Amino acid sequence: MKAYERLKKYMDAVGLKQSVVAEKSDIHYKTFNAILNGKRKLGADELLVICDKGLVISLEKFFNHKFQ
């Protein structure tokens, strides 16, 4: 699973809205939407900020999350 797919799936699983995560991560909503839809590359540094500020989860926990 690609990182942006995991991100989208994680947000759905925990009930987070795109607009909230984008704002907390200090990423423009349209840019964040493009990332989640695979239309824009997701950089490692961006993913780190999204996990840290937007999702409030460590990168390790993000990648170890088990989906049902």
C-alpha atoms as a PDB file:
ATOM      1  CA  MET A   1       0.000   0.000   0.000  1.00  0.00           C
ATOM      2  CA  LYS A   2       1.361   3.418  -0.933  1.00  0.00           C
ATOM      3  CA  ALA A   3       1.875   6.005   1.794  1.00  0.00           C
ATOM      4  CA  TYR A   4      -0.911   8.298   0.535  1.00  0.00           C
ATOM      5  CA  GLU A   5      -3.314   5.331   0.429  1.00  0.00           C
ATOM      6  CA  ARG A   6      -2.369   4.391   3.990  1.00  0.00           C
ATOM      7  CA  LEU A   7      -2.834   8.004   5.048  1.00  0.00           C
ATOM      8  CA  LYS A   8      -6.309   8.183   3.543  1.00  0.00           C
ATOM      9  CA  LYS A   9      -7.280   4.821   5.010  1.00  0.00           C
ATOM     10  CA  TYR A  10      -5.950   5.761   8.455  1.00  0.00           C
ATOM     11  CA  MET A  11      -7.870   9.026   8.460  1.00  0.00           C
ATOM     12  CA  ASP A  12     -11.066   7.196   7.515  1.00  0.00           C
ATOM     13  CA  ALA A  13     -10.468   4.569  10.218  1.00  0.00           C
ATOM     14  CA  VAL A  14     -10.046   7.107  13.009  1.00  0.00           C
ATOM     15  CA  GLY A  15     -12.623   9.573  11.696  1.00  0.00           C
ATOM     16  CA  LEU A  16     -10.392  12.525  10.819  1.00  0.00           C
ATOM     17  CA  LYS A  17     -11.452  15.013   8.145  1.00  0.00           C
ATOM     18  CA  GLN A  18      -9.091  16.154   5.413  1.00  0.00           C
ATOM     19  CA  SER A  19      -9.612  19.812   6.225  1.00  0.00           C
ATOM     20  CA  VAL A  20      -8.682  19.336   9.890  1.00  0.00           C
ATOM     21  CA  VAL A  21      -5.522  17.331   9.179  1.00  0.00           C
ATOM     22  CA  ALA A  22      -4.471  19.738   6.421  1.00  0.00           C
ATOM     23  CA  GLU A  23      -4.922  22.765   8.685  1.00  0.00           C
ATOM     24  CA  LYS A  24      -3.066  21.204  11.617  1.00  0.00           C
ATOM     25  CA  SER A  25      -0.268  20.135   9.247  1.00  0.00           C
ATOM     26  CA  ASP A  26      -0.075  23.631   7.741  1.00  0.00           C
ATOM     27  CA  ILE A  27      -0.691  22.287   4.234  1.00  0.00           C
ATOM     28  CA  HIS A  28      -3.108  24.013   1.877  1.00  0.00           C
ATOM     29  CA  TYR A  29      -6.338  22.006   1.580  1.00  0.00           C
ATOM     30  CA  LYS A  30      -6.109  21.644  -2.212  1.00  0.00           C
ATOM     31  CA  THR A  31      -2.522  20.404  -1.947  1.00  0.00           C
ATOM     32  CA  PHE A  32      -3.493  17.938   0.761  1.00  0.00           C
ATOM     33  CA  ASN A  33      -6.425  16.715  -1.303  1.00  0.00           C
ATOM     34  CA  ALA A  34      -4.138  16.173  -4.303  1.00  0.00           C
ATOM     35  CA  ILE A  35      -1.776  14.145  -2.098  1.00  0.00           C
ATOM     36  CA  LEU A  36      -4.604  11.951  -0.782  1.00  0.00           C
ATOM     37  CA  ASN A  37      -5.832  11.289  -4.311  1.00  0.00           C
ATOM     38  CA  GLY A  38      -2.378  10.364  -5.640  1.00  0.00           C
ATOM     39  CA  LYS A  39      -2.213  13.396  -7.919  1.00  0.00           C
ATOM     40  CA  ARG A  40       0.781  14.872  -6.086  1.00  0.00           C
ATOM     41  CA  LYS A  41       3.787  13.148  -4.585  1.00  0.00           C
ATOM     42  CA  LEU A  42       3.940  12.850  -0.836  1.00  0.00           C
ATOM     43  CA  GLY A  43       7.415  13.656   0.405  1.00  0.00           C
ATOM     44  CA  ALA A  44       8.886  11.925   3.433  1.00  0.00           C
ATOM     45  CA  ASP A  45       9.264  15.259   5.208  1.00  0.00           C
ATOM     46  CA  GLU A  46       5.600  16.079   4.520  1.00  0.00           C
ATOM     47  CA  LEU A  47       4.461  12.714   5.848  1.00  0.00           C
ATOM     48  CA  LEU A  48       6.475  13.276   9.009  1.00  0.00           C
ATOM     49  CA  VAL A  49       4.780  16.660   9.568  1.00  0.00           C
ATOM     50  CA  ILE A  50       1.339  15.207   8.798  1.00  0.00           C
ATOM     51  CA  CYS A  51       1.835  12.398  11.311  1.00  0.00           C
ATOM     52  CA  ASP A  52       3.348  14.665  13.958  1.00  0.00           C
ATOM     53  CA  LYS A  53       1.028  17.671  13.729  1.00  0.00           C
ATOM     54  CA  GLY A  54      -2.055  16.517  11.814  1.00  0.00           C
ATOM     55  CA  LEU A  55      -2.584  13.005  13.109  1.00  0.00           C
ATOM     56  CA  VAL A  56      -0.661  13.373  16.379  1.00  0.00           C
ATOM     57  CA  ILE A  57       0.899   9.937  16.002  1.00  0.00           C
ATOM     58  CA  SER A  58       4.459   8.764  15.556  1.00  0.00           C
ATOM     59  CA  LEU A  59       5.560   7.674  12.108  1.00  0.00           C
ATOM     60  CA  GLU A  60       6.249   4.215  13.516  1.00  0.00           C
ATOM     61  CA  LYS A  61       2.737   3.849  14.948  1.00  0.00           C
ATOM     62  CA  PHE A  62       1.281   5.163  11.695  1.00  0.00           C
ATOM     63  CA  PHE A  63       2.991   2.460   9.646  1.00  0.00           C
ATOM     64  CA  ASN A  64       2.308  -0.260  12.231  1.00  0.00           C
ATOM     65  CA  HIS A  65      -1.431   0.517  12.427  1.00  0.00           C
ATOM     66  CA  LYS A  66      -3.473  -2.577  11.583  1.00  0.00           C
ATOM     67  CA  PHE A  67      -6.633  -1.991   9.588  1.00  0.00           C
ATOM     68  CA  GLN A  68      -9.696  -4.179  10.093  1.00  0.00           C
END
